[in-house]
Amino acid sequence: WLHRRGRLVDVGLSPRVTGPAAAWFGLPFLARVAVVD
C-alpha cells in the first residue's frame, strides 16, 4: 500500500525519525566520541 502511494522510501515516517534510524541511532557518532577520538 505504501508502495502504491509512493511513500515506500520513507515508509510514511518523518525525516526526524528515518534520519537517525538510518544512521544507526547515532552509534557511529558515540563510538567516535567515546572510543575513537
PDB file of all heavy atoms in Angstrom:
ATOM      1  N   TRP A   1       0.833  -1.206   0.000  1.00  0.00           N
ATOM      2  CA  TRP A   1       0.000   0.000   0.000  1.00  0.00           C
ATOM      3  C   TRP A   1       0.868   1.257   0.000  1.00  0.00           C
ATOM      4  O   TRP A   1       0.610   2.205  -0.745  1.00  0.00           O
ATOM      5  CB  TRP A   1      -0.924  -0.026   1.215  1.00  0.00           C
ATOM      6  CG  TRP A   1      -1.818   1.175   1.302  1.00  0.00           C
ATOM      7  CD1 TRP A   1      -2.948   1.415   0.580  1.00  0.00           C
ATOM      8  CD2 TRP A   1      -1.644   2.292   2.178  1.00  0.00           C
ATOM      9  NE1 TRP A   1      -3.495   2.629   0.938  1.00  0.00           N
ATOM     10  CE2 TRP A   1      -2.720   3.183   1.926  1.00  0.00           C
ATOM     11  CE3 TRP A   1      -0.702   2.622   3.148  1.00  0.00           C
ATOM     12  CZ2 TRP A   1      -2.856   4.378   2.612  1.00  0.00           C
ATOM     13  CZ3 TRP A   1      -0.833   3.821   3.829  1.00  0.00           C
ATOM     14  CH2 TRP A   1      -1.906   4.687   3.563  1.00  0.00           C
ATOM     15  N   LEU A   2       1.926   1.266   0.818  1.00  0.00           N
ATOM     16  CA  LEU A   2       2.845   2.403   0.823  1.00  0.00           C
ATOM     17  C   LEU A   2       3.533   2.551  -0.526  1.00  0.00           C
ATOM     18  O   LEU A   2       3.795   3.676  -0.985  1.00  0.00           O
ATOM     19  CB  LEU A   2       3.886   2.229   1.934  1.00  0.00           C
ATOM     20  CG  LEU A   2       3.410   2.418   3.376  1.00  0.00           C
ATOM     21  CD1 LEU A   2       4.516   2.066   4.354  1.00  0.00           C
ATOM     22  CD2 LEU A   2       2.928   3.852   3.612  1.00  0.00           C
ATOM     23  N   HIS A   3       3.830   1.422  -1.154  1.00  0.00           N
ATOM     24  CA  HIS A   3       4.485   1.481  -2.460  1.00  0.00           C
ATOM     25  C   HIS A   3       3.586   2.140  -3.503  1.00  0.00           C
ATOM     26  O   HIS A   3       4.044   2.975  -4.304  1.00  0.00           O
ATOM     27  CB  HIS A   3       4.868   0.062  -2.891  1.00  0.00           C
ATOM     28  CG  HIS A   3       5.453  -0.015  -4.270  1.00  0.00           C
ATOM     29  ND1 HIS A   3       6.583   0.674  -4.644  1.00  0.00           N
ATOM     30  CD2 HIS A   3       5.044  -0.685  -5.385  1.00  0.00           C
ATOM     31  CE1 HIS A   3       6.860   0.421  -5.906  1.00  0.00           C
ATOM     32  NE2 HIS A   3       5.932  -0.402  -6.384  1.00  0.00           N
ATOM     33  N   ARG A   4       2.329   1.800  -3.484  1.00  0.00           N
ATOM     34  CA  ARG A   4       1.395   2.399  -4.444  1.00  0.00           C
ATOM     35  C   ARG A   4       1.216   3.903  -4.196  1.00  0.00           C
ATOM     36  O   ARG A   4       0.993   4.662  -5.133  1.00  0.00           O
ATOM     37  CB  ARG A   4       0.048   1.698  -4.368  1.00  0.00           C
ATOM     38  CG  ARG A   4       0.041   0.313  -5.013  1.00  0.00           C
ATOM     39  CD  ARG A   4      -1.367  -0.196  -5.221  1.00  0.00           C
ATOM     40  NE  ARG A   4      -2.089  -0.316  -3.952  1.00  0.00           N
ATOM     41  CZ  ARG A   4      -2.104  -1.419  -3.208  1.00  0.00           C
ATOM     42  NH1 ARG A   4      -1.412  -2.503  -3.607  1.00  0.00           N
ATOM     43  NH2 ARG A   4      -2.793  -1.465  -2.090  1.00  0.00           N
ATOM     44  N   ARG A   5       1.338   4.316  -2.965  1.00  0.00           N
ATOM     45  CA  ARG A   5       1.190   5.728  -2.631  1.00  0.00           C
ATOM     46  C   ARG A   5       2.503   6.496  -2.765  1.00  0.00           C
ATOM     47  O   ARG A   5       2.555   7.697  -2.486  1.00  0.00           O
ATOM     48  CB  ARG A   5       0.659   5.881  -1.205  1.00  0.00           C
ATOM     49  CG  ARG A   5      -0.789   5.400  -1.059  1.00  0.00           C
ATOM     50  CD  ARG A   5      -1.242   5.532   0.394  1.00  0.00           C
ATOM     51  NE  ARG A   5      -1.201   6.919   0.849  1.00  0.00           N
ATOM     52  CZ  ARG A   5      -2.188   7.794   0.708  1.00  0.00           C
ATOM     53  NH1 ARG A   5      -3.309   7.430   0.084  1.00  0.00           N
ATOM     54  NH2 ARG A   5      -2.094   9.019   1.169  1.00  0.00           N
ATOM     55  N   GLY A   6       3.575   5.814  -3.157  1.00  0.00           N
ATOM     56  CA  GLY A   6       4.858   6.484  -3.316  1.00  0.00           C
ATOM     57  C   GLY A   6       5.511   6.869  -2.009  1.00  0.00           C
ATOM     58  O   GLY A   6       6.355   7.764  -1.988  1.00  0.00           O
ATOM     59  N   ARG A   7       5.168   6.208  -0.909  1.00  0.00           N
ATOM     60  CA  ARG A   7       5.734   6.525   0.413  1.00  0.00           C
ATOM     61  C   ARG A   7       6.640   5.407   0.921  1.00  0.00           C
ATOM     62  O   ARG A   7       6.941   5.357   2.106  1.00  0.00           O
ATOM     63  CB  ARG A   7       4.593   6.740   1.419  1.00  0.00           C
ATOM     64  CG  ARG A   7       3.668   7.890   1.096  1.00  0.00           C
ATOM     65  CD  ARG A   7       4.427   9.220   1.103  1.00  0.00           C
ATOM     66  NE  ARG A   7       5.144   9.442   2.332  1.00  0.00           N
ATOM     67  CZ  ARG A   7       4.600   9.966   3.443  1.00  0.00           C
ATOM     68  NH1 ARG A   7       3.318  10.305   3.439  1.00  0.00           N
ATOM     69  NH2 ARG A   7       5.329  10.164   4.519  1.00  0.00           N
ATOM     70  N   LEU A   8       7.087   4.543   0.020  1.00  0.00           N
ATOM     71  CA  LEU A   8       7.856   3.391   0.495  1.00  0.00           C
ATOM     72  C   LEU A   8       9.278   3.760   0.902  1.00  0.00           C
ATOM     73  O   LEU A   8       9.872   3.113   1.764  1.00  0.00           O
ATOM     74  CB  LEU A   8       7.897   2.311  -0.598  1.00  0.00           C
ATOM     75  CG  LEU A   8       8.364   0.922  -0.161  1.00  0.00           C
ATOM     76  CD1 LEU A   8       7.463   0.375   0.926  1.00  0.00           C
ATOM     77  CD2 LEU A   8       8.393  -0.029  -1.343  1.00  0.00           C
ATOM     78  N   VAL A   9       9.844   4.788   0.298  1.00  0.00           N
ATOM     79  CA  VAL A   9      11.226   5.161   0.620  1.00  0.00           C
ATOM     80  C   VAL A   9      11.343   5.577   2.078  1.00  0.00           C
ATOM     81  O   VAL A   9      12.245   5.137   2.806  1.00  0.00           O
ATOM     82  CB  VAL A   9      11.713   6.281  -0.313  1.00  0.00           C
ATOM     83  CG1 VAL A   9      13.110   6.749   0.101  1.00  0.00           C
ATOM     84  CG2 VAL A   9      11.725   5.797  -1.756  1.00  0.00           C
ATOM     85  N   ASP A  10      10.421   6.429   2.556  1.00  0.00           N
ATOM     86  CA  ASP A  10      10.461   6.874   3.958  1.00  0.00           C
ATOM     87  C   ASP A  10       9.468   6.118   4.831  1.00  0.00           C
ATOM     88  O   ASP A  10       9.295   6.465   6.008  1.00  0.00           O
ATOM     89  CB  ASP A  10      10.208   8.375   4.046  1.00  0.00           C
ATOM     90  CG  ASP A  10       8.859   8.774   3.449  1.00  0.00           C
ATOM     91  OD1 ASP A  10       8.083   7.871   3.039  1.00  0.00           O
ATOM     92  OD2 ASP A  10       8.580   9.981   3.372  1.00  0.00           O
ATOM     93  N   VAL A  11       8.808   5.093   4.256  1.00  0.00           N
ATOM     94  CA  VAL A  11       7.801   4.268   4.942  1.00  0.00           C
ATOM     95  C   VAL A  11       6.801   5.120   5.730  1.00  0.00           C
ATOM     96  O   VAL A  11       6.345   4.722   6.815  1.00  0.00           O
ATOM     97  CB  VAL A  11       8.451   3.202   5.842  1.00  0.00           C
ATOM     98  CG1 VAL A  11       9.116   2.140   5.014  1.00  0.00           C
ATOM     99  CG2 VAL A  11       9.424   3.817   6.838  1.00  0.00           C
ATOM    100  N   GLY A  12       6.483   6.278   5.214  1.00  0.00           N
ATOM    101  CA  GLY A  12       5.482   7.132   5.835  1.00  0.00           C
ATOM    102  C   GLY A  12       5.924   7.795   7.110  1.00  0.00           C
ATOM    103  O   GLY A  12       5.084   8.338   7.850  1.00  0.00           O
ATOM    104  N   LEU A  13       7.221   7.794   7.406  1.00  0.00           N
ATOM    105  CA  LEU A  13       7.730   8.388   8.646  1.00  0.00           C
ATOM    106  C   LEU A  13       8.389   9.727   8.361  1.00  0.00           C
ATOM    107  O   LEU A  13       8.797  10.022   7.235  1.00  0.00           O
ATOM    108  CB  LEU A  13       8.724   7.447   9.323  1.00  0.00           C
ATOM    109  CG  LEU A  13       8.185   6.070   9.745  1.00  0.00           C
ATOM    110  CD1 LEU A  13       9.308   5.205  10.304  1.00  0.00           C
ATOM    111  CD2 LEU A  13       7.070   6.224  10.771  1.00  0.00           C
ATOM    112  N   SER A  14       8.522  10.508   9.408  1.00  0.00           N
ATOM    113  CA  SER A  14       9.160  11.813   9.298  1.00  0.00           C
ATOM    114  C   SER A  14      10.676  11.644   9.146  1.00  0.00           C
ATOM    115  O   SER A  14      11.267  10.705   9.681  1.00  0.00           O
ATOM    116  CB  SER A  14       8.861  12.644  10.551  1.00  0.00           C
ATOM    117  OG  SER A  14       9.672  13.803  10.596  1.00  0.00           O
ATOM    118  N   PRO A  15      11.330  12.568   8.415  1.00  0.00           N
ATOM    119  CA  PRO A  15      12.793  12.515   8.325  1.00  0.00           C
ATOM    120  C   PRO A  15      13.479  12.585   9.685  1.00  0.00           C
ATOM    121  O   PRO A  15      14.612  12.105   9.822  1.00  0.00           O
ATOM    122  CB  PRO A  15      13.146  13.723   7.459  1.00  0.00           C
ATOM    123  CG  PRO A  15      11.910  13.986   6.658  1.00  0.00           C
ATOM    124  CD  PRO A  15      10.757  13.618   7.559  1.00  0.00           C
ATOM    125  N   ARG A  16      12.815  13.167  10.675  1.00  0.00           N
ATOM    126  CA  ARG A  16      13.400  13.211  12.019  1.00  0.00           C
ATOM    127  C   ARG A  16      13.541  11.803  12.606  1.00  0.00           C
ATOM    128  O   ARG A  16      14.374  11.583  13.486  1.00  0.00           O
ATOM    129  CB  ARG A  16      12.535  14.068  12.932  1.00  0.00           C
ATOM    130  CG  ARG A  16      12.493  15.541  12.535  1.00  0.00           C
ATOM    131  CD  ARG A  16      11.635  16.333  13.513  1.00  0.00           C
ATOM    132  NE  ARG A  16      11.586  17.755  13.163  1.00  0.00           N
ATOM    133  CZ  ARG A  16      10.895  18.649  13.857  1.00  0.00           C
ATOM    134  NH1 ARG A  16      10.204  18.288  14.950  1.00  0.00           N
ATOM    135  NH2 ARG A  16      10.899  19.907  13.467  1.00  0.00           N
ATOM    136  N   VAL A  17      12.715  10.900  12.111  1.00  0.00           N
ATOM    137  CA  VAL A  17      12.785   9.514  12.585  1.00  0.00           C
ATOM    138  C   VAL A  17      13.672   8.681  11.681  1.00  0.00           C
ATOM    139  O   VAL A  17      14.533   7.918  12.146  1.00  0.00           O
ATOM    140  CB  VAL A  17      11.373   8.903  12.666  1.00  0.00           C
ATOM    141  CG1 VAL A  17      11.451   7.440  13.083  1.00  0.00           C
ATOM    142  CG2 VAL A  17      10.509   9.697  13.630  1.00  0.00           C
ATOM    143  N   THR A  18      13.461   8.814  10.367  1.00  0.00           N
ATOM    144  CA  THR A  18      14.217   7.974   9.441  1.00  0.00           C
ATOM    145  C   THR A  18      15.700   8.327   9.389  1.00  0.00           C
ATOM    146  O   THR A  18      16.544   7.452   9.204  1.00  0.00           O
ATOM    147  CB  THR A  18      13.627   8.103   8.027  1.00  0.00           C
ATOM    148  OG1 THR A  18      13.651   9.478   7.618  1.00  0.00           O
ATOM    149  CG2 THR A  18      12.186   7.603   8.001  1.00  0.00           C
ATOM    150  N   GLY A  19      16.017   9.620   9.572  1.00  0.00           N
ATOM    151  CA  GLY A  19      17.421  10.032   9.532  1.00  0.00           C
ATOM    152  C   GLY A  19      18.267   9.366  10.606  1.00  0.00           C
ATOM    153  O   GLY A  19      19.252   8.679  10.309  1.00  0.00           O
ATOM    154  N   PRO A  20      17.906   9.541  11.900  1.00  0.00           N
ATOM    155  CA  PRO A  20      18.693   8.864  12.946  1.00  0.00           C
ATOM    156  C   PRO A  20      18.659   7.341  12.839  1.00  0.00           C
ATOM    157  O   PRO A  20      19.661   6.676  13.116  1.00  0.00           O
ATOM    158  CB  PRO A  20      18.023   9.342  14.240  1.00  0.00           C
ATOM    159  CG  PRO A  20      17.343  10.613  13.870  1.00  0.00           C
ATOM    160  CD  PRO A  20      16.893  10.442  12.460  1.00  0.00           C
ATOM    161  N   ALA A  21      17.509   6.784  12.445  1.00  0.00           N
ATOM    162  CA  ALA A  21      17.426   5.329  12.342  1.00  0.00           C
ATOM    163  C   ALA A  21      18.344   4.808  11.254  1.00  0.00           C
ATOM    164  O   ALA A  21      19.044   3.799  11.429  1.00  0.00           O
ATOM    165  CB  ALA A  21      15.980   4.901  12.070  1.00  0.00           C
ATOM    166  N   ALA A  22      18.359   5.461  10.091  1.00  0.00           N
ATOM    167  CA  ALA A  22      19.225   5.015   9.000  1.00  0.00           C
ATOM    168  C   ALA A  22      20.701   5.132   9.363  1.00  0.00           C
ATOM    169  O   ALA A  22      21.538   4.411   8.810  1.00  0.00           O
ATOM    170  CB  ALA A  22      18.937   5.829   7.739  1.00  0.00           C
ATOM    171  N   ALA A  23      21.022   6.043  10.297  1.00  0.00           N
ATOM    172  CA  ALA A  23      22.413   6.228  10.728  1.00  0.00           C
ATOM    173  C   ALA A  23      22.719   5.470  12.012  1.00  0.00           C
ATOM    174  O   ALA A  23      23.627   5.851  12.755  1.00  0.00           O
ATOM    175  CB  ALA A  23      22.708   7.709  10.909  1.00  0.00           C
ATOM    176  N   TRP A  24      21.979   4.417  12.279  1.00  0.00           N
ATOM    177  CA  TRP A  24      22.184   3.576  13.455  1.00  0.00           C
ATOM    178  C   TRP A  24      22.049   4.357  14.768  1.00  0.00           C
ATOM    179  O   TRP A  24      22.816   4.160  15.710  1.00  0.00           O
ATOM    180  CB  TRP A  24      23.539   2.875  13.399  1.00  0.00           C
ATOM    181  CG  TRP A  24      23.429   1.450  12.943  1.00  0.00           C
ATOM    182  CD1 TRP A  24      23.872   0.918  11.799  1.00  0.00           C
ATOM    183  CD2 TRP A  24      22.822   0.363  13.678  1.00  0.00           C
ATOM    184  NE1 TRP A  24      23.573  -0.426  11.727  1.00  0.00           N
ATOM    185  CE2 TRP A  24      22.931  -0.791  12.875  1.00  0.00           C
ATOM    186  CE3 TRP A  24      22.190   0.269  14.918  1.00  0.00           C
ATOM    187  CZ2 TRP A  24      22.448  -2.026  13.266  1.00  0.00           C
ATOM    188  CZ3 TRP A  24      21.702  -0.967  15.310  1.00  0.00           C
ATOM    189  CH2 TRP A  24      21.836  -2.102  14.497  1.00  0.00           C
ATOM    190  N   PHE A  25      21.084   5.261  14.804  1.00  0.00           N
ATOM    191  CA  PHE A  25      20.712   5.968  16.038  1.00  0.00           C
ATOM    192  C   PHE A  25      21.899   6.656  16.705  1.00  0.00           C
ATOM    193  O   PHE A  25      21.969   6.775  17.929  1.00  0.00           O
ATOM    194  CB  PHE A  25      20.057   5.008  17.032  1.00  0.00           C
ATOM    195  CG  PHE A  25      18.863   4.295  16.471  1.00  0.00           C
ATOM    196  CD1 PHE A  25      18.975   2.988  16.022  1.00  0.00           C
ATOM    197  CD2 PHE A  25      17.632   4.922  16.380  1.00  0.00           C
ATOM    198  CE1 PHE A  25      17.876   2.329  15.498  1.00  0.00           C
ATOM    199  CE2 PHE A  25      16.529   4.268  15.854  1.00  0.00           C
ATOM    200  CZ  PHE A  25      16.653   2.966  15.409  1.00  0.00           C
ATOM    201  N   GLY A  26      22.830   7.109  15.905  1.00  0.00           N
ATOM    202  CA  GLY A  26      23.978   7.834  16.438  1.00  0.00           C
ATOM    203  C   GLY A  26      25.056   6.961  17.042  1.00  0.00           C
ATOM    204  O   GLY A  26      26.010   7.496  17.633  1.00  0.00           O
ATOM    205  N   LEU A  27      24.959   5.646  16.894  1.00  0.00           N
ATOM    206  CA  LEU A  27      26.006   4.769  17.448  1.00  0.00           C
ATOM    207  C   LEU A  27      27.385   5.046  16.840  1.00  0.00           C
ATOM    208  O   LEU A  27      28.380   5.067  17.578  1.00  0.00           O
ATOM    209  CB  LEU A  27      25.629   3.307  17.253  1.00  0.00           C
ATOM    210  CG  LEU A  27      24.690   2.695  18.289  1.00  0.00           C
ATOM    211  CD1 LEU A  27      24.397   1.235  17.947  1.00  0.00           C
ATOM    212  CD2 LEU A  27      25.292   2.793  19.684  1.00  0.00           C
ATOM    213  N   PRO A  28      27.493   5.262  15.529  1.00  0.00           N
ATOM    214  CA  PRO A  28      28.826   5.603  15.000  1.00  0.00           C
ATOM    215  C   PRO A  28      29.384   6.881  15.615  1.00  0.00           C
ATOM    216  O   PRO A  28      30.588   6.961  15.910  1.00  0.00           O
ATOM    217  CB  PRO A  28      28.568   5.775  13.484  1.00  0.00           C
ATOM    218  CG  PRO A  28      27.363   4.941  13.212  1.00  0.00           C
ATOM    219  CD  PRO A  28      26.510   5.084  14.445  1.00  0.00           C
ATOM    220  N   PHE A  29      28.501   7.893  15.840  1.00  0.00           N
ATOM    221  CA  PHE A  29      28.969   9.131  16.469  1.00  0.00           C
ATOM    222  C   PHE A  29      29.430   8.867  17.906  1.00  0.00           C
ATOM    223  O   PHE A  29      30.484   9.343  18.343  1.00  0.00           O
ATOM    224  CB  PHE A  29      27.854  10.175  16.443  1.00  0.00           C
ATOM    225  CG  PHE A  29      28.178  11.429  17.214  1.00  0.00           C
ATOM    226  CD1 PHE A  29      29.028  12.380  16.680  1.00  0.00           C
ATOM    227  CD2 PHE A  29      27.635  11.646  18.487  1.00  0.00           C
ATOM    228  CE1 PHE A  29      29.328  13.537  17.396  1.00  0.00           C
ATOM    229  CE2 PHE A  29      27.945  12.785  19.189  1.00  0.00           C
ATOM    230  CZ  PHE A  29      28.787  13.736  18.651  1.00  0.00           C
ATOM    231  N   LEU A  30      28.618   8.099  18.643  1.00  0.00           N
ATOM    232  CA  LEU A  30      29.007   7.776  20.019  1.00  0.00           C
ATOM    233  C   LEU A  30      30.304   6.983  20.060  1.00  0.00           C
ATOM    234  O   LEU A  30      31.157   7.208  20.937  1.00  0.00           O
ATOM    235  CB  LEU A  30      27.877   6.999  20.706  1.00  0.00           C
ATOM    236  CG  LEU A  30      26.578   7.772  20.967  1.00  0.00           C
ATOM    237  CD1 LEU A  30      25.526   6.852  21.567  1.00  0.00           C
ATOM    238  CD2 LEU A  30      26.846   8.953  21.894  1.00  0.00           C
ATOM    239  N   ALA A  31      30.463   6.045  19.128  1.00  0.00           N
ATOM    240  CA  ALA A  31      31.708   5.260  19.097  1.00  0.00           C
ATOM    241  C   ALA A  31      32.901   6.155  18.814  1.00  0.00           C
ATOM    242  O   ALA A  31      33.975   5.986  19.414  1.00  0.00           O
ATOM    243  CB  ALA A  31      31.593   4.163  18.046  1.00  0.00           C
ATOM    244  N   ARG A  32      32.707   7.124  17.918  1.00  0.00           N
ATOM    245  CA  ARG A  32      33.810   8.020  17.613  1.00  0.00           C
ATOM    246  C   ARG A  32      34.153   8.895  18.808  1.00  0.00           C
ATOM    247  O   ARG A  32      35.339   9.104  19.133  1.00  0.00           O
ATOM    248  CB  ARG A  32      33.459   8.884  16.401  1.00  0.00           C
ATOM    249  CG  ARG A  32      34.629   9.750  15.927  1.00  0.00           C
ATOM    250  CD  ARG A  32      34.321  10.521  14.663  1.00  0.00           C
ATOM    251  NE  ARG A  32      33.324  11.563  14.902  1.00  0.00           N
ATOM    252  CZ  ARG A  32      32.086  11.520  14.467  1.00  0.00           C
ATOM    253  NH1 ARG A  32      31.654  10.464  13.800  1.00  0.00           N
ATOM    254  NH2 ARG A  32      31.236  12.508  14.723  1.00  0.00           N
ATOM    255  N   VAL A  33      33.106   9.417  19.490  1.00  0.00           N
ATOM    256  CA  VAL A  33      33.354  10.314  20.623  1.00  0.00           C
ATOM    257  C   VAL A  33      33.885   9.542  21.839  1.00  0.00           C
ATOM    258  O   VAL A  33      34.798  10.007  22.534  1.00  0.00           O
ATOM    259  CB  VAL A  33      32.057  11.068  20.987  1.00  0.00           C
ATOM    260  CG1 VAL A  33      32.229  11.847  22.279  1.00  0.00           C
ATOM    261  CG2 VAL A  33      31.654  12.004  19.857  1.00  0.00           C
ATOM    262  N   ALA A  34      33.322   8.353  22.087  1.00  0.00           N
ATOM    263  CA  ALA A  34      33.686   7.620  23.300  1.00  0.00           C
ATOM    264  C   ALA A  34      34.928   6.757  23.135  1.00  0.00           C
ATOM    265  O   ALA A  34      35.611   6.474  24.131  1.00  0.00           O
ATOM    266  CB  ALA A  34      32.500   6.741  23.739  1.00  0.00           C
ATOM    267  N   VAL A  35      35.210   6.331  21.920  1.00  0.00           N
ATOM    268  CA  VAL A  35      36.317   5.384  21.736  1.00  0.00           C
ATOM    269  C   VAL A  35      37.375   5.932  20.790  1.00  0.00           C
ATOM    270  O   VAL A  35      38.554   6.049  21.151  1.00  0.00           O
ATOM    271  CB  VAL A  35      35.782   4.020  21.221  1.00  0.00           C
ATOM    272  CG1 VAL A  35      36.950   3.049  21.020  1.00  0.00           C
ATOM    273  CG2 VAL A  35      34.762   3.443  22.171  1.00  0.00           C
ATOM    274  N   VAL A  36      36.956   6.270  19.569  1.00  0.00           N
ATOM    275  CA  VAL A  36      37.940   6.598  18.539  1.00  0.00           C
ATOM    276  C   VAL A  36      38.700   7.872  18.885  1.00  0.00           C
ATOM    277  O   VAL A  36      39.942   7.884  18.891  1.00  0.00           O
ATOM    278  CB  VAL A  36      37.241   6.727  17.168  1.00  0.00           C
ATOM    279  CG1 VAL A  36      38.255   7.134  16.102  1.00  0.00           C
ATOM    280  CG2 VAL A  36      36.574   5.409  16.794  1.00  0.00           C
ATOM    281  N   ASP A  37      37.966   8.962  19.167  1.00  0.00           N
ATOM    282  CA  ASP A  37      38.649  10.221  19.455  1.00  0.00           C
ATOM    283  C   ASP A  37      39.536  10.138  20.699  1.00  0.00           C
ATOM    284  O   ASP A  37      40.674  10.639  20.675  1.00  0.00           O
ATOM    285  CB  ASP A  37      37.625  11.350  19.612  1.00  0.00           C
ATOM    286  CG  ASP A  37      36.963  11.707  18.282  1.00  0.00           C
ATOM    287  OD1 ASP A  37      37.503  11.295  17.237  1.00  0.00           O
ATOM    288  OD2 ASP A  37      35.904  12.367  18.290  1.00  0.00           O
TER     289      ASP A  37
END
